[in-house]
């Protein structure tokens, strides 16, 4: 079985994952120097 993840559905799922990783990196940058 394969999961069909249409682009518009993917866009909604991806946004919070992108935000989490980006904010983690920027926070580490602020606290790490």
ModelCIF file with pLDDT and N, C-alpha, C, O atoms, coordinates in Angstrom:
data_MODEL
#
_entry.id   MODEL 
#
_entity.id                         1 
_entity.type                       polymer 
_entity.pdbx_number_of_molecules   1 
#
_entity_poly.entity_id                      1 
_entity_poly.type                           'polypeptide(L)' 
_entity_poly.nstd_linkage                   no 
_entity_poly.nstd_monomer                   no 
_entity_poly.pdbx_seq_one_letter_code       
;(UNK)(UNK)(UNK)(UNK)(UNK)(UNK)(UNK)(UNK)(UNK)(UNK)(UNK)(UNK)(UNK)(UNK)(UNK)(UNK)
(UNK)(UNK)(UNK)(UNK)(UNK)(UNK)(UNK)(UNK)(UNK)(UNK)(UNK)(UNK)(UNK)(UNK)(UNK)(UNK)
(UNK)
;
_entity_poly.pdbx_seq_one_letter_code_can   XXXXXXXXXXXXXXXXXXXXXXXXXXXXXXXXX 
_entity_poly.pdbx_strand_id                 A 
#
loop_
_entity_poly_seq.entity_id 
_entity_poly_seq.num 
_entity_poly_seq.mon_id 
_entity_poly_seq.hetero 
1 1  UNK n 
1 2  UNK n 
1 3  UNK n 
1 4  UNK n 
1 5  UNK n 
1 6  UNK n 
1 7  UNK n 
1 8  UNK n 
1 9  UNK n 
1 10 UNK n 
1 11 UNK n 
1 12 UNK n 
1 13 UNK n 
1 14 UNK n 
1 15 UNK n 
1 16 UNK n 
1 17 UNK n 
1 18 UNK n 
1 19 UNK n 
1 20 UNK n 
1 21 UNK n 
1 22 UNK n 
1 23 UNK n 
1 24 UNK n 
1 25 UNK n 
1 26 UNK n 
1 27 UNK n 
1 28 UNK n 
1 29 UNK n 
1 30 UNK n 
1 31 UNK n 
1 32 UNK n 
1 33 UNK n 
#
_struct_asym.id          A 
_struct_asym.entity_id   1 
#
loop_
_ma_qa_metric.id 
_ma_qa_metric.mode 
_ma_qa_metric.name 
_ma_qa_metric.software_group_id 
_ma_qa_metric.type 
1 global pLDDT . pLDDT 
2 local  pLDDT . pLDDT 
#
_ma_qa_metric_global.metric_id      1 
_ma_qa_metric_global.metric_value   91.24 
_ma_qa_metric_global.model_id       1 
_ma_qa_metric_global.ordinal_id     1 
#
loop_
_ma_qa_metric_local.label_asym_id 
_ma_qa_metric_local.label_comp_id 
_ma_qa_metric_local.label_seq_id 
_ma_qa_metric_local.metric_id 
_ma_qa_metric_local.metric_value 
_ma_qa_metric_local.model_id 
_ma_qa_metric_local.ordinal_id 
A UNK 1  2 47.00 1 1  
A UNK 2  2 53.00 1 2  
A UNK 3  2 59.00 1 3  
A UNK 4  2 72.00 1 4  
A UNK 5  2 85.00 1 5  
A UNK 6  2 92.00 1 6  
A UNK 7  2 94.00 1 7  
A UNK 8  2 94.00 1 8  
A UNK 9  2 94.00 1 9  
A UNK 10 2 96.00 1 10 
A UNK 11 2 97.00 1 11 
A UNK 12 2 96.00 1 12 
A UNK 13 2 96.00 1 13 
A UNK 14 2 97.00 1 14 
A UNK 15 2 97.00 1 15 
A UNK 16 2 97.00 1 16 
A UNK 17 2 98.00 1 17 
A UNK 18 2 98.00 1 18 
A UNK 19 2 98.00 1 19 
A UNK 20 2 98.00 1 20 
A UNK 21 2 98.00 1 21 
A UNK 22 2 98.00 1 22 
A UNK 23 2 98.00 1 23 
A UNK 24 2 97.00 1 24 
A UNK 25 2 98.00 1 25 
A UNK 26 2 98.00 1 26 
A UNK 27 2 96.00 1 27 
A UNK 28 2 96.00 1 28 
A UNK 29 2 96.00 1 29 
A UNK 30 2 95.00 1 30 
A UNK 31 2 95.00 1 31 
A UNK 32 2 93.00 1 32 
A UNK 33 2 95.00 1 33 
#
loop_
_atom_site.group_PDB 
_atom_site.id 
_atom_site.type_symbol 
_atom_site.label_atom_id 
_atom_site.label_alt_id 
_atom_site.label_comp_id 
_atom_site.label_asym_id 
_atom_site.label_entity_id 
_atom_site.label_seq_id 
_atom_site.pdbx_PDB_ins_code 
_atom_site.Cartn_x 
_atom_site.Cartn_y 
_atom_site.Cartn_z 
_atom_site.occupancy 
_atom_site.B_iso_or_equiv 
_atom_site.pdbx_formal_charge 
_atom_site.auth_seq_id 
_atom_site.auth_comp_id 
_atom_site.auth_asym_id 
_atom_site.auth_atom_id 
_atom_site.pdbx_PDB_model_num 
ATOM 1   N N  . UNK A 1 1  ? 0.830  -1.193 0.000  1.00 47.00 ? 1  UNK A N  1 
ATOM 2   C CA . UNK A 1 1  ? 0.000  0.000  0.000  1.00 47.00 ? 1  UNK A CA 1 
ATOM 3   C C  . UNK A 1 1  ? 0.870  1.250  0.000  1.00 47.00 ? 1  UNK A C  1 
ATOM 4   O O  . UNK A 1 1  ? 1.881  1.311  0.701  1.00 47.00 ? 1  UNK A O  1 
ATOM 5   N N  . UNK A 1 2  ? 0.480  2.233  -0.777 1.00 53.00 ? 2  UNK A N  1 
ATOM 6   C CA . UNK A 1 2  ? 1.186  3.508  -0.779 1.00 53.00 ? 2  UNK A CA 1 
ATOM 7   C C  . UNK A 1 2  ? 0.231  4.601  -0.335 1.00 53.00 ? 2  UNK A C  1 
ATOM 8   O O  . UNK A 1 2  ? -0.977 4.511  -0.557 1.00 53.00 ? 2  UNK A O  1 
ATOM 9   N N  . UNK A 1 3  ? 0.775  5.626  0.289  1.00 59.00 ? 3  UNK A N  1 
ATOM 10  C CA . UNK A 1 3  ? -0.030 6.751  0.757  1.00 59.00 ? 3  UNK A CA 1 
ATOM 11  C C  . UNK A 1 3  ? 0.087  7.876  -0.253 1.00 59.00 ? 3  UNK A C  1 
ATOM 12  O O  . UNK A 1 3  ? 1.187  8.351  -0.533 1.00 59.00 ? 3  UNK A O  1 
ATOM 13  N N  . UNK A 1 4  ? -1.031 8.303  -0.797 1.00 72.00 ? 4  UNK A N  1 
ATOM 14  C CA . UNK A 1 4  ? -1.032 9.410  -1.735 1.00 72.00 ? 4  UNK A CA 1 
ATOM 15  C C  . UNK A 1 4  ? -1.193 10.707 -0.952 1.00 72.00 ? 4  UNK A C  1 
ATOM 16  O O  . UNK A 1 4  ? -2.252 10.969 -0.381 1.00 72.00 ? 4  UNK A O  1 
ATOM 17  N N  . UNK A 1 5  ? -0.160 11.500 -0.928 1.00 85.00 ? 5  UNK A N  1 
ATOM 18  C CA . UNK A 1 5  ? -0.169 12.753 -0.164 1.00 85.00 ? 5  UNK A CA 1 
ATOM 19  C C  . UNK A 1 5  ? -0.140 13.890 -1.177 1.00 85.00 ? 5  UNK A C  1 
ATOM 20  O O  . UNK A 1 5  ? 0.923  14.285 -1.656 1.00 85.00 ? 5  UNK A O  1 
ATOM 21  N N  . UNK A 1 6  ? -1.318 14.409 -1.495 1.00 92.00 ? 6  UNK A N  1 
ATOM 22  C CA . UNK A 1 6  ? -1.441 15.461 -2.504 1.00 92.00 ? 6  UNK A CA 1 
ATOM 23  C C  . UNK A 1 6  ? -0.685 16.712 -2.063 1.00 92.00 ? 6  UNK A C  1 
ATOM 24  O O  . UNK A 1 6  ? -0.542 16.956 -0.865 1.00 92.00 ? 6  UNK A O  1 
ATOM 25  N N  . UNK A 1 7  ? -0.197 17.509 -3.022 1.00 94.00 ? 7  UNK A N  1 
ATOM 26  C CA . UNK A 1 7  ? 0.586  18.699 -2.658 1.00 94.00 ? 7  UNK A CA 1 
ATOM 27  C C  . UNK A 1 7  ? -0.092 19.620 -1.656 1.00 94.00 ? 7  UNK A C  1 
ATOM 28  O O  . UNK A 1 7  ? 0.572  20.129 -0.752 1.00 94.00 ? 7  UNK A O  1 
ATOM 29  N N  . UNK A 1 8  ? -1.408 19.852 -1.789 1.00 94.00 ? 8  UNK A N  1 
ATOM 30  C CA . UNK A 1 8  ? -2.060 20.783 -0.852 1.00 94.00 ? 8  UNK A CA 1 
ATOM 31  C C  . UNK A 1 8  ? -2.145 20.187 0.548  1.00 94.00 ? 8  UNK A C  1 
ATOM 32  O O  . UNK A 1 8  ? -2.030 20.915 1.534  1.00 94.00 ? 8  UNK A O  1 
ATOM 33  N N  . UNK A 1 9  ? -2.341 18.884 0.650  1.00 94.00 ? 9  UNK A N  1 
ATOM 34  C CA . UNK A 1 9  ? -2.339 18.231 1.971  1.00 94.00 ? 9  UNK A CA 1 
ATOM 35  C C  . UNK A 1 9  ? -0.940 18.252 2.563  1.00 94.00 ? 9  UNK A C  1 
ATOM 36  O O  . UNK A 1 9  ? -0.761 18.490 3.757  1.00 94.00 ? 9  UNK A O  1 
ATOM 37  N N  . UNK A 1 10 ? 0.049  18.000 1.716  1.00 96.00 ? 10 UNK A N  1 
ATOM 38  C CA . UNK A 1 10 ? 1.434  18.026 2.168  1.00 96.00 ? 10 UNK A CA 1 
ATOM 39  C C  . UNK A 1 10 ? 1.805  19.410 2.680  1.00 96.00 ? 10 UNK A C  1 
ATOM 40  O O  . UNK A 1 10 ? 2.495  19.533 3.693  1.00 96.00 ? 10 UNK A O  1 
ATOM 41  N N  . UNK A 1 11 ? 1.351  20.463 1.983  1.00 97.00 ? 11 UNK A N  1 
ATOM 42  C CA . UNK A 1 11 ? 1.654  21.830 2.407  1.00 97.00 ? 11 UNK A CA 1 
ATOM 43  C C  . UNK A 1 11 ? 1.170  22.085 3.828  1.00 97.00 ? 11 UNK A C  1 
ATOM 44  O O  . UNK A 1 11 ? 1.874  22.707 4.623  1.00 97.00 ? 11 UNK A O  1 
ATOM 45  N N  . UNK A 1 12 ? -0.032 21.605 4.150  1.00 96.00 ? 12 UNK A N  1 
ATOM 46  C CA . UNK A 1 12 ? -0.564 21.808 5.490  1.00 96.00 ? 12 UNK A CA 1 
ATOM 47  C C  . UNK A 1 12 ? 0.178  21.017 6.549  1.00 96.00 ? 12 UNK A C  1 
ATOM 48  O O  . UNK A 1 12 ? 0.376  21.509 7.660  1.00 96.00 ? 12 UNK A O  1 
ATOM 49  N N  . UNK A 1 13 ? 0.594  19.795 6.225  1.00 96.00 ? 13 UNK A N  1 
ATOM 50  C CA . UNK A 1 13 ? 1.335  18.973 7.182  1.00 96.00 ? 13 UNK A CA 1 
ATOM 51  C C  . UNK A 1 13 ? 2.769  19.452 7.361  1.00 96.00 ? 13 UNK A C  1 
ATOM 52  O O  . UNK A 1 13 ? 3.333  19.358 8.451  1.00 96.00 ? 13 UNK A O  1 
ATOM 53  N N  . UNK A 1 14 ? 3.356  19.969 6.276  1.00 97.00 ? 14 UNK A N  1 
ATOM 54  C CA . UNK A 1 14 ? 4.759  20.359 6.320  1.00 97.00 ? 14 UNK A CA 1 
ATOM 55  C C  . UNK A 1 14 ? 4.985  21.637 7.124  1.00 97.00 ? 14 UNK A C  1 
ATOM 56  O O  . UNK A 1 14 ? 6.004  21.769 7.802  1.00 97.00 ? 14 UNK A O  1 
ATOM 57  N N  . UNK A 1 15 ? 4.050  22.570 7.053  1.00 97.00 ? 15 UNK A N  1 
ATOM 58  C CA . UNK A 1 15 ? 4.273  23.897 7.644  1.00 97.00 ? 15 UNK A CA 1 
ATOM 59  C C  . UNK A 1 15 ? 4.693  23.839 9.107  1.00 97.00 ? 15 UNK A C  1 
ATOM 60  O O  . UNK A 1 15 ? 5.697  24.461 9.453  1.00 97.00 ? 15 UNK A O  1 
ATOM 61  N N  . UNK A 1 16 ? 3.982  23.123 9.998  1.00 97.00 ? 16 UNK A N  1 
ATOM 62  C CA . UNK A 1 16 ? 4.425  23.100 11.400 1.00 97.00 ? 16 UNK A CA 1 
ATOM 63  C C  . UNK A 1 16 ? 5.758  22.385 11.598 1.00 97.00 ? 16 UNK A C  1 
ATOM 64  O O  . UNK A 1 16 ? 6.517  22.729 12.504 1.00 97.00 ? 16 UNK A O  1 
ATOM 65  N N  . UNK A 1 17 ? 6.045  21.394 10.760 1.00 98.00 ? 17 UNK A N  1 
ATOM 66  C CA . UNK A 1 17 ? 7.332  20.694 10.864 1.00 98.00 ? 17 UNK A CA 1 
ATOM 67  C C  . UNK A 1 17 ? 8.481  21.606 10.467 1.00 98.00 ? 17 UNK A C  1 
ATOM 68  O O  . UNK A 1 17 ? 9.537  21.593 11.100 1.00 98.00 ? 17 UNK A O  1 
ATOM 69  N N  . UNK A 1 18 ? 8.277  22.403 9.415  1.00 98.00 ? 18 UNK A N  1 
ATOM 70  C CA . UNK A 1 18 ? 9.277  23.383 8.998  1.00 98.00 ? 18 UNK A CA 1 
ATOM 71  C C  . UNK A 1 18 ? 9.475  24.425 10.088 1.00 98.00 ? 18 UNK A C  1 
ATOM 72  O O  . UNK A 1 18 ? 10.610 24.767 10.420 1.00 98.00 ? 18 UNK A O  1 
ATOM 73  N N  . UNK A 1 19 ? 8.388  24.927 10.641 1.00 98.00 ? 19 UNK A N  1 
ATOM 74  C CA . UNK A 1 19 ? 8.479  25.936 11.698 1.00 98.00 ? 19 UNK A CA 1 
ATOM 75  C C  . UNK A 1 19 ? 9.270  25.410 12.893 1.00 98.00 ? 19 UNK A C  1 
ATOM 76  O O  . UNK A 1 19 ? 10.127 26.111 13.431 1.00 98.00 ? 19 UNK A O  1 
ATOM 77  N N  . UNK A 1 20 ? 8.983  24.179 13.306 1.00 98.00 ? 20 UNK A N  1 
ATOM 78  C CA . UNK A 1 20 ? 9.655  23.613 14.480 1.00 98.00 ? 20 UNK A CA 1 
ATOM 79  C C  . UNK A 1 20 ? 11.164 23.508 14.270 1.00 98.00 ? 20 UNK A C  1 
ATOM 80  O O  . UNK A 1 20 ? 11.943 23.910 15.135 1.00 98.00 ? 20 UNK A O  1 
ATOM 81  N N  . UNK A 1 21 ? 11.578 22.969 13.120 1.00 98.00 ? 21 UNK A N  1 
ATOM 82  C CA . UNK A 1 21 ? 13.006 22.796 12.858 1.00 98.00 ? 21 UNK A CA 1 
ATOM 83  C C  . UNK A 1 21 ? 13.702 24.146 12.710 1.00 98.00 ? 21 UNK A C  1 
ATOM 84  O O  . UNK A 1 21 ? 14.803 24.341 13.224 1.00 98.00 ? 21 UNK A O  1 
ATOM 85  N N  . UNK A 1 22 ? 13.059 25.074 12.007 1.00 98.00 ? 22 UNK A N  1 
ATOM 86  C CA . UNK A 1 22 ? 13.664 26.390 11.813 1.00 98.00 ? 22 UNK A CA 1 
ATOM 87  C C  . UNK A 1 22 ? 13.823 27.116 13.147 1.00 98.00 ? 22 UNK A C  1 
ATOM 88  O O  . UNK A 1 22 ? 14.887 27.668 13.426 1.00 98.00 ? 22 UNK A O  1 
ATOM 89  N N  . UNK A 1 23 ? 12.798 27.120 13.955 1.00 98.00 ? 23 UNK A N  1 
ATOM 90  C CA . UNK A 1 23 ? 12.876 27.824 15.236 1.00 98.00 ? 23 UNK A CA 1 
ATOM 91  C C  . UNK A 1 23 ? 13.899 27.200 16.167 1.00 98.00 ? 23 UNK A C  1 
ATOM 92  O O  . UNK A 1 23 ? 14.573 27.902 16.921 1.00 98.00 ? 23 UNK A O  1 
ATOM 93  N N  . UNK A 1 24 ? 14.014 25.869 16.113 1.00 97.00 ? 24 UNK A N  1 
ATOM 94  C CA . UNK A 1 24 ? 15.030 25.203 16.929 1.00 97.00 ? 24 UNK A CA 1 
ATOM 95  C C  . UNK A 1 24 ? 16.428 25.663 16.535 1.00 97.00 ? 24 UNK A C  1 
ATOM 96  O O  . UNK A 1 24 ? 17.269 25.918 17.397 1.00 97.00 ? 24 UNK A O  1 
ATOM 97  N N  . UNK A 1 25 ? 16.674 25.768 15.223 1.00 98.00 ? 25 UNK A N  1 
ATOM 98  C CA . UNK A 1 25 ? 17.982 26.224 14.759 1.00 98.00 ? 25 UNK A CA 1 
ATOM 99  C C  . UNK A 1 25 ? 18.260 27.667 15.122 1.00 98.00 ? 25 UNK A C  1 
ATOM 100 O O  . UNK A 1 25 ? 19.371 28.000 15.533 1.00 98.00 ? 25 UNK A O  1 
ATOM 101 N N  . UNK A 1 26 ? 17.256 28.538 14.975 1.00 98.00 ? 26 UNK A N  1 
ATOM 102 C CA . UNK A 1 26 ? 17.460 29.944 15.302 1.00 98.00 ? 26 UNK A CA 1 
ATOM 103 C C  . UNK A 1 26 ? 17.628 30.153 16.798 1.00 98.00 ? 26 UNK A C  1 
ATOM 104 O O  . UNK A 1 26 ? 18.437 30.978 17.222 1.00 98.00 ? 26 UNK A O  1 
ATOM 105 N N  . UNK A 1 27 ? 16.869 29.409 17.605 1.00 96.00 ? 27 UNK A N  1 
ATOM 106 C CA . UNK A 1 27 ? 17.023 29.507 19.060 1.00 96.00 ? 27 UNK A CA 1 
ATOM 107 C C  . UNK A 1 27 ? 18.404 29.032 19.479 1.00 96.00 ? 27 UNK A C  1 
ATOM 108 O O  . UNK A 1 27 ? 19.046 29.642 20.334 1.00 96.00 ? 27 UNK A O  1 
ATOM 109 N N  . UNK A 1 28 ? 18.862 27.938 18.872 1.00 96.00 ? 28 UNK A N  1 
ATOM 110 C CA . UNK A 1 28 ? 20.211 27.449 19.176 1.00 96.00 ? 28 UNK A CA 1 
ATOM 111 C C  . UNK A 1 28 ? 21.248 28.494 18.786 1.00 96.00 ? 28 UNK A C  1 
ATOM 112 O O  . UNK A 1 28 ? 22.239 28.680 19.491 1.00 96.00 ? 28 UNK A O  1 
ATOM 113 N N  . UNK A 1 29 ? 21.023 29.178 17.665 1.00 96.00 ? 29 UNK A N  1 
ATOM 114 C CA . UNK A 1 29 ? 21.941 30.224 17.247 1.00 96.00 ? 29 UNK A CA 1 
ATOM 115 C C  . UNK A 1 29 ? 21.996 31.374 18.228 1.00 96.00 ? 29 UNK A C  1 
ATOM 116 O O  . UNK A 1 29 ? 23.072 31.889 18.534 1.00 96.00 ? 29 UNK A O  1 
ATOM 117 N N  . UNK A 1 30 ? 20.833 31.779 18.723 1.00 95.00 ? 30 UNK A N  1 
ATOM 118 C CA . UNK A 1 30 ? 20.798 32.878 19.701 1.00 95.00 ? 30 UNK A CA 1 
ATOM 119 C C  . UNK A 1 30 ? 21.506 32.486 20.990 1.00 95.00 ? 30 UNK A C  1 
ATOM 120 O O  . UNK A 1 30 ? 22.321 33.240 21.522 1.00 95.00 ? 30 UNK A O  1 
ATOM 121 N N  . UNK A 1 31 ? 21.180 31.283 21.488 1.00 95.00 ? 31 UNK A N  1 
ATOM 122 C CA . UNK A 1 31 ? 21.748 30.853 22.769 1.00 95.00 ? 31 UNK A CA 1 
ATOM 123 C C  . UNK A 1 31 ? 23.190 30.367 22.639 1.00 95.00 ? 31 UNK A C  1 
ATOM 124 O O  . UNK A 1 31 ? 23.930 30.335 23.621 1.00 95.00 ? 31 UNK A O  1 
ATOM 125 N N  . UNK A 1 32 ? 23.584 29.988 21.421 1.00 93.00 ? 32 UNK A N  1 
ATOM 126 C CA . UNK A 1 32 ? 24.912 29.416 21.224 1.00 93.00 ? 32 UNK A CA 1 
ATOM 127 C C  . UNK A 1 32 ? 25.955 30.413 20.758 1.00 93.00 ? 32 UNK A C  1 
ATOM 128 O O  . UNK A 1 32 ? 26.994 30.012 20.235 1.00 93.00 ? 32 UNK A O  1 
ATOM 129 N N  . UNK A 1 33 ? 25.708 31.683 20.933 1.00 95.00 ? 33 UNK A N  1 
ATOM 130 C CA . UNK A 1 33 ? 26.699 32.696 20.576 1.00 95.00 ? 33 UNK A CA 1 
ATOM 131 C C  . UNK A 1 33 ? 26.126 33.868 19.816 1.00 95.00 ? 33 UNK A C  1 
ATOM 132 O O  . UNK A 1 33 ? 26.860 34.790 19.458 1.00 95.00 ? 33 UNK A O  1 
#
